[in-house]
Structure formats: C-alpha cells, structure tokens
C-alpha atoms as a PDB file:
ATOM      1  CA  MET A   1       6.030   5.612  -4.717  1.00  0.00           C
ATOM      2  CA  SER A   2       5.306   7.385  -7.682  1.00  0.00           C
ATOM      3  CA  VAL A   3       6.440   7.704 -11.099  1.00  0.00           C
ATOM      4  CA  GLY A   4       5.147  10.788 -13.271  1.00  0.00           C
ATOM      5  CA  HIS A   5       2.188  12.283 -11.899  1.00  0.00           C
ATOM      6  CA  TYR A   6       0.314   8.847 -11.310  1.00  0.00           C
ATOM      7  CA  GLU A   7       1.245   8.833  -7.721  1.00  0.00           C
ATOM      8  CA  ASN A   8       0.593   6.184  -5.028  1.00  0.00           C
ATOM      9  CA  PHE A   9       1.315   3.523  -7.756  1.00  0.00           C
ATOM     10  CA  PRO A  10       4.105   0.762  -7.132  1.00  0.00           C
ATOM     11  CA  VAL A  11       5.705   0.843 -10.681  1.00  0.00           C
ATOM     12  CA  GLY A  12       7.441  -2.577 -11.252  1.00  0.00           C
ATOM     13  CA  SER A  13       9.824  -1.531  -8.032  1.00  0.00           C
ATOM     14  CA  LEU A  14      12.794  -4.045  -7.616  1.00  0.00           C
ATOM     15  CA  LEU A  15      11.132  -4.678  -4.458  1.00  0.00           C
ATOM     16  CA  LEU A  16       8.194  -6.611  -6.271  1.00  0.00           C
ATOM     17  CA  PRO A  17       8.351 -10.446  -6.929  1.00  0.00           C
ATOM     18  CA  ARG A  18      10.141 -10.473 -10.374  1.00  0.00           C
ATOM     19  CA  ARG A  19       6.646 -12.406 -11.749  1.00  0.00           C
ATOM     20  CA  MET A  20       4.557  -9.359 -11.122  1.00  0.00           C
ATOM     21  CA  ARG A  21       6.887  -6.489 -12.697  1.00  0.00           C
ATOM     22  CA  ARG A  22       5.403  -7.079 -16.236  1.00  0.00           C
ATOM     23  CA  ALA A  23       2.066  -7.233 -15.210  1.00  0.00           C
ATOM     24  CA  VAL A  24       2.415  -3.937 -12.757  1.00  0.00           C
ATOM     25  CA  HIS A  25       3.763  -2.378 -15.953  1.00  0.00           C
ATOM     26  CA  VAL A  26       1.114  -3.083 -18.096  1.00  0.00           C
ATOM     27  CA  ILE A  27      -1.537  -1.759 -15.570  1.00  0.00           C
ATOM     28  CA  TYR A  28       0.326   1.015 -14.827  1.00  0.00           C
ATOM     29  CA  HIS A  29       0.403   2.459 -18.575  1.00  0.00           C
ATOM     30  CA  PHE A  30      -3.160   1.456 -18.729  1.00  0.00           C
ATOM     31  CA  ALA A  31      -4.169   3.752 -15.677  1.00  0.00           C
ATOM     32  CA  ARG A  32      -1.747   6.518 -17.101  1.00  0.00           C
ATOM     33  CA  HIS A  33      -2.895   6.695 -20.478  1.00  0.00           C
ATOM     34  CA  ALA A  34      -6.429   6.745 -19.215  1.00  0.00           C
ATOM     35  CA  ASP A  35      -5.456   9.628 -16.673  1.00  0.00           C
ATOM     36  CA  ASP A  36      -3.588  11.473 -19.649  1.00  0.00           C
ATOM     37  CA  ILE A  37      -6.617  11.553 -21.493  1.00  0.00           C
ATOM     38  CA  ALA A  38      -8.508  13.136 -18.817  1.00  0.00           C
ATOM     39  CA  ASP A  39      -5.927  15.671 -17.724  1.00  0.00           C
ATOM     40  CA  GLU A  40      -3.176  16.376 -20.678  1.00  0.00           C
ATOM     41  CA  GLY A  41      -3.540  18.307 -23.583  1.00  0.00           C
ATOM     42  CA  ASN A  42      -6.282  20.482 -25.130  1.00  0.00           C
ATOM     43  CA  ALA A  43      -8.867  18.586 -26.053  1.00  0.00           C
ATOM     44  CA  GLN A  44     -12.349  19.304 -25.291  1.00  0.00           C
ATOM     45  CA  PRO A  45     -14.107  17.572 -22.355  1.00  0.00           C
ATOM     46  CA  ALA A  46     -16.696  15.728 -24.936  1.00  0.00           C
ATOM     47  CA  GLN A  47     -13.526  14.564 -26.377  1.00  0.00           C
ATOM     48  CA  ARG A  48     -11.684  13.267 -23.517  1.00  0.00           C
ATOM     49  CA  LEU A  49     -15.130  11.836 -22.280  1.00  0.00           C
ATOM     50  CA  ALA A  50     -15.318   9.783 -25.734  1.00  0.00           C
ATOM     51  CA  ALA A  51     -11.965   8.603 -25.518  1.00  0.00           C
ATOM     52  CA  LEU A  52     -12.361   7.128 -22.074  1.00  0.00           C
ATOM     53  CA  GLN A  53     -15.732   5.580 -23.664  1.00  0.00           C
ATOM     54  CA  ALA A  54     -13.416   4.155 -26.233  1.00  0.00           C
ATOM     55  CA  LEU A  55     -11.616   2.533 -23.474  1.00  0.00           C
ATOM     56  CA  ARG A  56     -14.571   1.206 -21.736  1.00  0.00           C
ATOM     57  CA  ASP A  57     -15.744  -0.491 -24.971  1.00  0.00           C
ATOM     58  CA  GLU A  58     -12.214  -2.266 -24.879  1.00  0.00           C
ATOM     59  CA  LEU A  59     -12.746  -3.580 -21.613  1.00  0.00           C
ATOM     60  CA  ALA A  60     -16.060  -4.975 -22.877  1.00  0.00           C
ATOM     61  CA  ARG A  61     -14.662  -6.618 -25.692  1.00  0.00           C
ATOM     62  CA  ILE A  62     -12.113  -8.324 -22.929  1.00  0.00           C
ATOM     63  CA  GLU A  63     -15.292  -9.279 -20.669  1.00  0.00           C
ATOM     64  CA  ALA A  64     -16.861 -10.884 -23.944  1.00  0.00           C
ATOM     65  CA  GLY A  65     -13.936 -12.618 -24.896  1.00  0.00           C
ATOM     66  CA  THR A  66     -12.885 -11.041 -27.862  1.00  0.00           C
ATOM     67  CA  THR A  67      -9.823  -9.556 -28.818  1.00  0.00           C
ATOM     68  CA  PRO A  68      -9.519  -5.996 -28.341  1.00  0.00           C
ATOM     69  CA  GLN A  69      -8.382  -3.262 -30.704  1.00  0.00           C
ATOM     70  CA  LEU A  70      -5.566  -1.570 -29.022  1.00  0.00           C
ATOM     71  CA  PRO A  71      -1.894  -2.870 -28.571  1.00  0.00           C
ATOM     72  CA  LEU A  72      -2.015  -1.536 -25.027  1.00  0.00           C
ATOM     73  CA  MET A  73      -5.226  -3.334 -24.387  1.00  0.00           C
ATOM     74  CA  GLN A  74      -4.232  -6.394 -26.041  1.00  0.00           C
ATOM     75  CA  ASP A  75      -1.495  -6.720 -23.493  1.00  0.00           C
ATOM     76  CA  LEU A  76      -4.010  -5.996 -20.647  1.00  0.00           C
ATOM     77  CA  ALA A  77      -6.307  -8.859 -21.845  1.00  0.00           C
ATOM     78  CA  ARG A  78      -3.269 -10.983 -21.592  1.00  0.00           C
ATOM     79  CA  VAL A  79      -2.467  -9.799 -17.976  1.00  0.00           C
ATOM     80  CA  ILE A  80      -6.007 -10.217 -16.866  1.00  0.00           C
ATOM     81  CA  ALA A  81      -6.327 -13.639 -18.346  1.00  0.00           C
ATOM     82  CA  ALA A  82      -3.034 -14.467 -16.520  1.00  0.00           C
ATOM     83  CA  TYR A  83      -3.841 -13.434 -13.152  1.00  0.00           C
ATOM     84  CA  GLN A  84      -7.502 -13.982 -13.275  1.00  0.00           C
ATOM     85  CA  LEU A  85      -7.906 -10.289 -12.435  1.00  0.00           C
ATOM     86  CA  PRO A  86     -11.545  -8.868 -11.827  1.00  0.00           C
ATOM     87  CA  LEU A  87     -12.548  -6.011 -14.389  1.00  0.00           C
ATOM     88  CA  ALA A  88     -14.427  -4.238 -11.884  1.00  0.00           C
ATOM     89  CA  PRO A  89     -11.520  -1.848 -10.908  1.00  0.00           C
ATOM     90  CA  PHE A  90     -10.443  -1.110 -14.351  1.00  0.00           C
ATOM     91  CA  TYR A  91     -14.071   0.040 -14.836  1.00  0.00           C
ATOM     92  CA  ASP A  92     -13.961   2.045 -11.364  1.00  0.00           C
ATOM     93  CA  LEU A  93     -10.613   3.820 -12.583  1.00  0.00           C
ATOM     94  CA  LEU A  94     -12.307   4.988 -15.819  1.00  0.00           C
ATOM     95  CA  SER A  95     -15.257   5.980 -14.179  1.00  0.00           C
ATOM     96  CA  ALA A  96     -12.844   8.377 -11.736  1.00  0.00           C
ATOM     97  CA  PHE A  97     -10.962   9.416 -14.270  1.00  0.00           C
ATOM     98  CA  SER A  98     -14.295  10.379 -16.540  1.00  0.00           C
ATOM     99  CA  GLN A  99     -15.456  12.307 -13.177  1.00  0.00           C
ATOM    100  CA  ASP A 100     -12.088  14.411 -13.479  1.00  0.00           C
ATOM    101  CA  VAL A 101     -13.058  15.853 -16.455  1.00  0.00           C
ATOM    102  CA  THR A 102     -16.362  17.235 -15.591  1.00  0.00           C
ATOM    103  CA  LYS A 103     -16.191  17.427 -11.789  1.00  0.00           C
ATOM    104  CA  THR A 104     -13.869  19.956  -9.837  1.00  0.00           C
ATOM    105  CA  ARG A 105     -15.250  20.738  -6.361  1.00  0.00           C
ATOM    106  CA  TYR A 106     -16.780  17.979  -3.555  1.00  0.00           C
ATOM    107  CA  GLN A 107     -19.240  19.077  -1.368  1.00  0.00           C
ATOM    108  CA  ASP A 108     -18.318  16.778   1.581  1.00  0.00           C
ATOM    109  CA  PHE A 109     -15.889  14.288   2.623  1.00  0.00           C
ATOM    110  CA  ALA A 110     -18.036  11.377   1.779  1.00  0.00           C
ATOM    111  CA  GLU A 111     -18.308  12.243  -1.623  1.00  0.00           C
ATOM    112  CA  LEU A 112     -14.635  12.771  -1.846  1.00  0.00           C
ATOM    113  CA  VAL A 113     -14.018   9.265  -0.552  1.00  0.00           C
ATOM    114  CA  ASP A 114     -16.260   8.125  -3.109  1.00  0.00           C
ATOM    115  CA  TYR A 115     -14.343   9.430  -5.554  1.00  0.00           C
ATOM    116  CA  CYS A 116     -10.921   7.831  -4.026  1.00  0.00           C
ATOM    117  CA  ARG A 117     -13.138   4.764  -3.899  1.00  0.00           C
ATOM    118  CA  ARG A 118     -12.616   4.585  -7.779  1.00  0.00           C
ATOM    119  CA  SER A 119      -9.625   6.828  -8.553  1.00  0.00           C
ATOM    120  CA  ALA A 120      -7.123   4.768  -5.732  1.00  0.00           C
ATOM    121  CA  ASN A 121      -8.578   1.737  -4.370  1.00  0.00           C
ATOM    122  CA  PRO A 122      -8.498  -0.381  -7.635  1.00  0.00           C
ATOM    123  CA  VAL A 123      -4.746   0.206  -7.449  1.00  0.00           C
ATOM    124  CA  GLY A 124      -4.357  -1.741  -4.059  1.00  0.00           C
ATOM    125  CA  ARG A 125      -7.296  -4.696  -5.172  1.00  0.00           C
ATOM    126  CA  LEU A 126      -5.379  -5.174  -8.116  1.00  0.00           C
ATOM    127  CA  MET A 127      -1.671  -5.336  -6.573  1.00  0.00           C
ATOM    128  CA  LEU A 128      -3.574  -7.939  -4.140  1.00  0.00           C
ATOM    129  CA  ALA A 129      -5.133  -9.551  -7.189  1.00  0.00           C
ATOM    130  CA  LEU A 130      -1.780 -10.090  -8.738  1.00  0.00           C
ATOM    131  CA  TYR A 131      -0.283 -11.201  -5.569  1.00  0.00           C
ATOM    132  CA  GLY A 132      -3.220 -13.842  -5.039  1.00  0.00           C
ATOM    133  CA  GLU A 133      -4.439 -12.249  -1.815  1.00  0.00           C
ATOM    134  CA  ARG A 134      -8.331 -12.266  -1.724  1.00  0.00           C
ATOM    135  CA  ASP A 135      -9.223 -12.059   1.691  1.00  0.00           C
ATOM    136  CA  PRO A 136     -11.956  -9.591   2.400  1.00  0.00           C
ATOM    137  CA  ARG A 137     -10.312  -8.020   5.478  1.00  0.00           C
ATOM    138  CA  SER A 138      -7.123  -7.527   3.372  1.00  0.00           C
ATOM    139  CA  LEU A 139      -9.088  -6.127   0.536  1.00  0.00           C
ATOM    140  CA  ALA A 140     -10.495  -3.553   3.558  1.00  0.00           C
ATOM    141  CA  MET A 141      -7.430  -2.415   4.836  1.00  0.00           C
ATOM    142  CA  SER A 142      -5.968  -1.909   1.276  1.00  0.00           C
ATOM    143  CA  ASP A 143      -8.901   0.159   0.514  1.00  0.00           C
ATOM    144  CA  GLY A 144      -7.795   2.351   3.410  1.00  0.00           C
ATOM    145  CA  ILE A 145      -4.389   2.782   2.578  1.00  0.00           C
ATOM    146  CA  CYS A 146      -5.145   3.599  -1.068  1.00  0.00           C
ATOM    147  CA  THR A 147      -7.888   6.429   0.264  1.00  0.00           C
ATOM    148  CA  ALA A 148      -5.412   7.730   2.610  1.00  0.00           C
ATOM    149  CA  LEU A 149      -2.723   7.872   0.047  1.00  0.00           C
ATOM    150  CA  GLN A 150      -5.092   9.531  -2.458  1.00  0.00           C
ATOM    151  CA  LEU A 151      -6.134  12.158   0.241  1.00  0.00           C
ATOM    152  CA  ILE A 152      -2.272  12.904   1.017  1.00  0.00           C
ATOM    153  CA  ASN A 153      -1.450  13.503  -2.178  1.00  0.00           C
ATOM    154  CA  PHE A 154      -4.427  16.017  -2.384  1.00  0.00           C
ATOM    155  CA  TRP A 155      -3.193  17.923   0.746  1.00  0.00           C
ATOM    156  CA  GLN A 156       0.126  18.101  -0.349  1.00  0.00           C
ATOM    157  CA  ASP A 157      -1.136  19.323  -3.801  1.00  0.00           C
ATOM    158  CA  VAL A 158      -3.696  21.762  -2.791  1.00  0.00           C
ATOM    159  CA  ALA A 159      -1.431  24.540  -4.775  1.00  0.00           C
ATOM    160  CA  VAL A 160      -1.042  22.540  -7.734  1.00  0.00           C
ATOM    161  CA  ASP A 161      -4.547  21.493  -8.054  1.00  0.00           C
ATOM    162  CA  TRP A 162      -5.659  25.438  -7.477  1.00  0.00           C
ATOM    163  CA  LEU A 163      -4.221  25.966 -11.115  1.00  0.00           C
ATOM    164  CA  LYS A 164      -5.778  23.165 -12.681  1.00  0.00           C
ATOM    165  CA  GLY A 165      -9.220  24.814 -11.472  1.00  0.00           C
ATOM    166  CA  ARG A 166      -9.564  21.868  -9.073  1.00  0.00           C
ATOM    167  CA  VAL A 167     -10.568  21.799  -5.050  1.00  0.00           C
ATOM    168  CA  TYR A 168     -10.310  18.642  -3.220  1.00  0.00           C
ATOM    169  CA  ILE A 169     -10.832  20.124   0.241  1.00  0.00           C
ATOM    170  CA  PRO A 170     -14.368  19.258   0.534  1.00  0.00           C
ATOM    171  CA  GLN A 171     -16.621  22.621   0.210  1.00  0.00           C
ATOM    172  CA  ASP A 172     -18.481  22.059   3.880  1.00  0.00           C
ATOM    173  CA  ASP A 173     -15.192  21.962   5.569  1.00  0.00           C
ATOM    174  CA  LEU A 174     -13.968  25.146   3.643  1.00  0.00           C
ATOM    175  CA  ALA A 175     -17.513  26.812   4.949  1.00  0.00           C
ATOM    176  CA  LYS A 176     -17.087  25.470   8.597  1.00  0.00           C
ATOM    177  CA  PHE A 177     -13.783  26.999   9.115  1.00  0.00           C
ATOM    178  CA  ARG A 178     -14.569  30.180   6.956  1.00  0.00           C
ATOM    179  CA  VAL A 179     -11.706  29.427   4.314  1.00  0.00           C
ATOM    180  CA  SER A 180     -12.680  30.991   0.914  1.00  0.00           C
ATOM    181  CA  GLU A 181     -11.236  29.717  -2.139  1.00  0.00           C
ATOM    182  CA  ASP A 182      -9.780  33.048  -2.816  1.00  0.00           C
ATOM    183  CA  GLN A 183      -7.316  32.543   0.562  1.00  0.00           C
ATOM    184  CA  ILE A 184      -6.196  29.123  -1.422  1.00  0.00           C
ATOM    185  CA  ALA A 185      -5.518  31.332  -4.866  1.00  0.00           C
ATOM    186  CA  ARG A 186      -3.354  33.671  -2.647  1.00  0.00           C
ATOM    187  CA  GLY A 187      -1.617  30.884  -1.547  1.00  0.00           C
ATOM    188  CA  ASP A 188      -2.307  32.151   2.368  1.00  0.00           C
ATOM    189  CA  ALA A 189      -1.741  30.053   5.022  1.00  0.00           C
ATOM    190  CA  GLY A 190      -2.558  32.107   7.711  1.00  0.00           C
ATOM    191  CA  GLY A 191      -5.629  32.674   9.830  1.00  0.00           C
ATOM    192  CA  VAL A 192      -7.376  29.363  10.366  1.00  0.00           C
ATOM    193  CA  TRP A 193      -5.908  27.400   7.699  1.00  0.00           C
ATOM    194  CA  PRO A 194      -3.634  25.409   9.766  1.00  0.00           C
ATOM    195  CA  MET A 195      -7.119  24.154  11.647  1.00  0.00           C
ATOM    196  CA  LEU A 196      -8.593  23.078   8.499  1.00  0.00           C
ATOM    197  CA  MET A 197      -5.435  21.210   7.522  1.00  0.00           C
ATOM    198  CA  ASP A 198      -5.096  19.405  10.687  1.00  0.00           C
ATOM    199  CA  LYS A 199      -8.517  17.986  10.217  1.00  0.00           C
ATOM    200  CA  GLU A 200      -7.880  16.871   6.932  1.00  0.00           C
ATOM    201  CA  VAL A 201      -4.434  15.569   7.867  1.00  0.00           C
ATOM    202  CA  LYS A 202      -5.913  13.282  11.135  1.00  0.00           C
ATOM    203  CA  ARG A 203      -8.950  12.253   8.622  1.00  0.00           C
ATOM    204  CA  ALA A 204      -6.031  10.781   6.335  1.00  0.00           C
ATOM    205  CA  LEU A 205      -3.715   9.674   9.231  1.00  0.00           C
ATOM    206  CA  ALA A 206      -6.539   7.559  10.756  1.00  0.00           C
ATOM    207  CA  MET A 207      -7.494   5.893   7.362  1.00  0.00           C
ATOM    208  CA  LEU A 208      -3.465   4.728   6.705  1.00  0.00           C
ATOM    209  CA  GLU A 209      -3.460   3.561  10.095  1.00  0.00           C
ATOM    210  CA  ALA A 210      -6.475   1.513  10.138  1.00  0.00           C
ATOM    211  CA  GLY A 211      -5.028  -0.184   6.939  1.00  0.00           C
ATOM    212  CA  SER A 212      -1.509  -0.506   8.133  1.00  0.00           C
ATOM    213  CA  PRO A 213      -1.592  -4.097   9.386  1.00  0.00           C
ATOM    214  CA  LEU A 214      -2.066  -5.167   5.935  1.00  0.00           C
ATOM    215  CA  ALA A 215       1.787  -4.483   5.205  1.00  0.00           C
ATOM    216  CA  LEU A 216       2.976  -6.716   8.357  1.00  0.00           C
ATOM    217  CA  LYS A 217       0.250  -9.630   7.205  1.00  0.00           C
ATOM    218  CA  LEU A 218       1.723  -9.722   3.413  1.00  0.00           C
ATOM    219  CA  LYS A 219       4.529 -11.808   3.351  1.00  0.00           C
ATOM    220  CA  GLY A 220       7.518 -11.407   1.022  1.00  0.00           C
ATOM    221  CA  ARG A 221       8.500  -8.304  -1.229  1.00  0.00           C
ATOM    222  CA  LEU A 222       5.196  -6.798  -1.583  1.00  0.00           C
ATOM    223  CA  GLY A 223       4.575  -6.438   2.344  1.00  0.00           C
ATOM    224  CA  TRP A 224       7.929  -5.058   2.278  1.00  0.00           C
ATOM    225  CA  GLU A 225       7.157  -2.296  -0.217  1.00  0.00           C
ATOM    226  CA  LEU A 226       3.571  -1.837   1.233  1.00  0.00           C
ATOM    227  CA  ARG A 227       5.461  -1.014   4.822  1.00  0.00           C
ATOM    228  CA  LEU A 228       7.736   1.743   2.948  1.00  0.00           C
ATOM    229  CA  ILE A 229       4.579   3.120   1.295  1.00  0.00           C
ATOM    230  CA  VAL A 230       2.722   3.375   4.368  1.00  0.00           C
ATOM    231  CA  LEU A 231       5.730   5.126   6.263  1.00  0.00           C
ATOM    232  CA  GLY A 232       6.134   7.412   3.548  1.00  0.00           C
ATOM    233  CA  GLY A 233       2.670   8.760   3.581  1.00  0.00           C
ATOM    234  CA  GLU A 234       3.154   8.940   7.239  1.00  0.00           C
ATOM    235  CA  ARG A 235       5.824  11.097   7.092  1.00  0.00           C
ATOM    236  CA  ILE A 236       4.383  13.252   4.372  1.00  0.00           C
ATOM    237  CA  LEU A 237       1.753  13.989   6.723  1.00  0.00           C
ATOM    238  CA  LYS A 238       3.892  14.999   9.549  1.00  0.00           C
ATOM    239  CA  LYS A 239       6.002  17.189   7.310  1.00  0.00           C
ATOM    240  CA  ILE A 240       2.571  18.841   6.582  1.00  0.00           C
ATOM    241  CA  HIS A 241       1.508  18.913  10.499  1.00  0.00           C
ATOM    242  CA  ASP A 242       4.974  20.438  10.965  1.00  0.00           C
ATOM    243  CA  ALA A 243       4.631  23.174   8.319  1.00  0.00           C
ATOM    244  CA  ARG A 244       1.221  24.236  10.040  1.00  0.00           C
ATOM    245  CA  GLY A 245      -0.719  23.114   6.750  1.00  0.00           C
ATOM    246  CA  ASP A 246       1.300  25.418   4.592  1.00  0.00           C
ATOM    247  CA  VAL A 247       1.671  23.229   1.374  1.00  0.00           C
ATOM    248  CA  PHE A 248       2.020  26.714  -0.717  1.00  0.00           C
ATOM    249  CA  THR A 249       5.587  27.817   0.144  1.00  0.00           C
ATOM    250  CA  GLN A 250       6.916  24.138  -0.232  1.00  0.00           C
ATOM    251  CA  ARG A 251       5.195  21.183  -1.401  1.00  0.00           C
ATOM    252  CA  PRO A 252       6.153  18.727   1.305  1.00  0.00           C
ATOM    253  CA  VAL A 253       8.288  15.762  -0.409  1.00  0.00           C
ATOM    254  CA  LEU A 254      10.453  12.883   0.868  1.00  0.00           C
ATOM    255  CA  SER A 255      14.128  13.464   1.271  1.00  0.00           C
ATOM    256  CA  SER A 256      17.257  10.909   0.957  1.00  0.00           C
ATOM    257  CA  ARG A 257      17.352  11.275   4.752  1.00  0.00           C
ATOM    258  CA  ASP A 258      13.606  10.636   5.396  1.00  0.00           C
ATOM    259  CA  TRP A 259      13.871   7.754   3.362  1.00  0.00           C
ATOM    260  CA  LEU A 260      16.773   6.431   5.442  1.00  0.00           C
ATOM    261  CA  ALA A 261      14.576   6.570   8.317  1.00  0.00           C
ATOM    262  CA  ILE A 262      11.761   5.136   6.470  1.00  0.00           C
ATOM    263  CA  ILE A 263      13.769   1.903   5.594  1.00  0.00           C
ATOM    264  CA  TRP A 264      15.021   1.690   9.225  1.00  0.00           C
ATOM    265  CA  LYS A 265      11.270   1.724  10.378  1.00  0.00           C
ATOM    266  CA  ALA A 266      10.126  -0.719   8.114  1.00  0.00           C
ATOM    267  CA  LEU A 267      12.809  -2.958   9.013  1.00  0.00           C
ATOM    268  CA  SER A 268      12.697  -2.871  12.742  1.00  0.00           C
ATOM    269  CA  ALA A 269       8.713  -2.958  12.231  1.00  0.00           C
ATOM    270  CA  ARG A 270       9.260  -6.465  10.348  1.00  0.00           C
ATOM    271  CA  SER A 271      11.840  -7.681  13.072  1.00  0.00           C
ATOM    272  CA  GLY A 272       9.615  -6.635  15.988  1.00  0.00           C
ATOM    273  CA  LYS A 273       7.037  -8.595  14.348  1.00  0.00           C
ATOM    274  CA  ASN A 274       8.903 -11.845  14.004  1.00  0.00           C
ATOM    275  CA  LYS A 275      10.407 -11.410  17.637  1.00  0.00           C
ATOM    276  CA  ARG A 276       6.678 -11.856  18.522  1.00  0.00           C
ATOM    277  CA  ARG A 277       6.033 -14.782  16.816  1.00  0.00           C
ATOM    278  CA  ARG A 278       8.923 -16.661  18.193  1.00  0.00           C
ATOM    279  CA  ALA A 279       7.548 -15.456  21.821  1.00  0.00           C
END
C-alpha cells in the first residue's frame, strides 16, 4: 500500500500487469520527487515553490510537444505519450504539493476534500488511465477510494503531522468538539477526543465504501490489488476505532496477521461475485 512516505500509491506491485509496472514506477518517481521538494530538506518556501514551478514548466513543454529538460520528465513524457495520459492529474499533484508549502490548517471538511482531490485522486485516475478504464462512474468511485485513503493517512498520522507543524483535522470540527491543538501537542487522547476521531473515521469509511464496488468491477490484477487496498484501509480505520482514536500511543499499522485476513477476505469477495454471476 505504500513505499516510503508517499502512501496510498501501488508502486509497481507484482500484482500489477507487467506492462504497467514501468509506467507506474515513472509516475511514482515524479510524484515522490515533487513531494520531496515540498517536504524534505531545509529549503525556504520560496525555493520550494520555484522548484515546483519548474516542474510545471516541464509539463508545459510536454503539453506543447517539446522535449523536457530533466531526465525524469523525459521518462514521464514517454509514458504520457505511450498511454495517452491526461496532463490534468499531474498539474493537480503539483498544485497540492505547492499548497503543502504554504498551508498547514484546513477550516472545514470541504476544504480538506478539495486538497485530497488534488493530492490523492490524481493517483487513481492515472492508474485507471494506464489500465484503459475511462468510464465516468469508475473515475468517481476511484476518487472516493483515493480521498478516503488520504483521509485515513491523515487520521493515523495526527501525531506525525503535528511535528511537521500541520493539522489536517478540520478546524471547525476541533471547535465543535472543543478539542484544542494543545491537546494534540500533548498526545492526549482523553476527553471527547474519541468522539471527534469517531466522526472522522466514519467520514473516511463512508467514502471508502462508496468507491469499493470498483474493486470488484475491475478485472485482472488491478482489481485484485485494489481489493487489497480497500480492505487494508478498512482495517486501519477499525484499528483507529478500536483504539478509541488514540493514534498517539501507537500509530495503527497492518501486521502480517492483518494481511492474511485481508487476502482471505479479498479472495472470498471475488469468489462470491463469481458465484452470483453463474447463478
């Protein structure tokens, strides 16, 4: 489900069709490079934004049919041409990474979802484009899954993000439940914190469930991988719920035992669908 810190991205998994793996790796390296520009090192905000703008300029060269300057972007240009990929998702990713440089709080859930639309949804849309799936309903379900996965990442990383100076829990939710940022700083999961996290968990779960039929709709290895991702996301949410929202004491992660249960459930889901078709 993740490689490094750019989570929710199936990076060339063995489950993916062989013909897609190289393209996925190239897209991943673009996203990882841009993400590192926004997050890593000691560069000043103006330097980060300038470097991200340089990547936009490279995308503009691809769009104009001219050769990009960076080897990474030259590789990306070949993948875009080979699979006729849309450029909008790449621009959206750069928009989100630029926002990471300047924005550390989100006033309400709609504002946060708009960020997810640009930081997470492009990943799913590009994967579907590589697979040749362009049905609008499939794209909508993919958006639901990707936004949910991004939200799950935020909820499990509340403590990690605080150390980076970021709070992704909407400010109006904090105010509604009377949870202060000082409580986050203390790593205090007491008081009404469990109720706040329960609300956020339910939001992510609703989006994940709304998009989950896509995992059964897609055939072959991509559908199988997506089933694992959706079930993994559901399990992380259950861990957060069972811990009463305490993501400070221990960040919820998937164990080997969890993965065995996920694989079994994914196999059962596919088998049940096949039985219904035969009936």
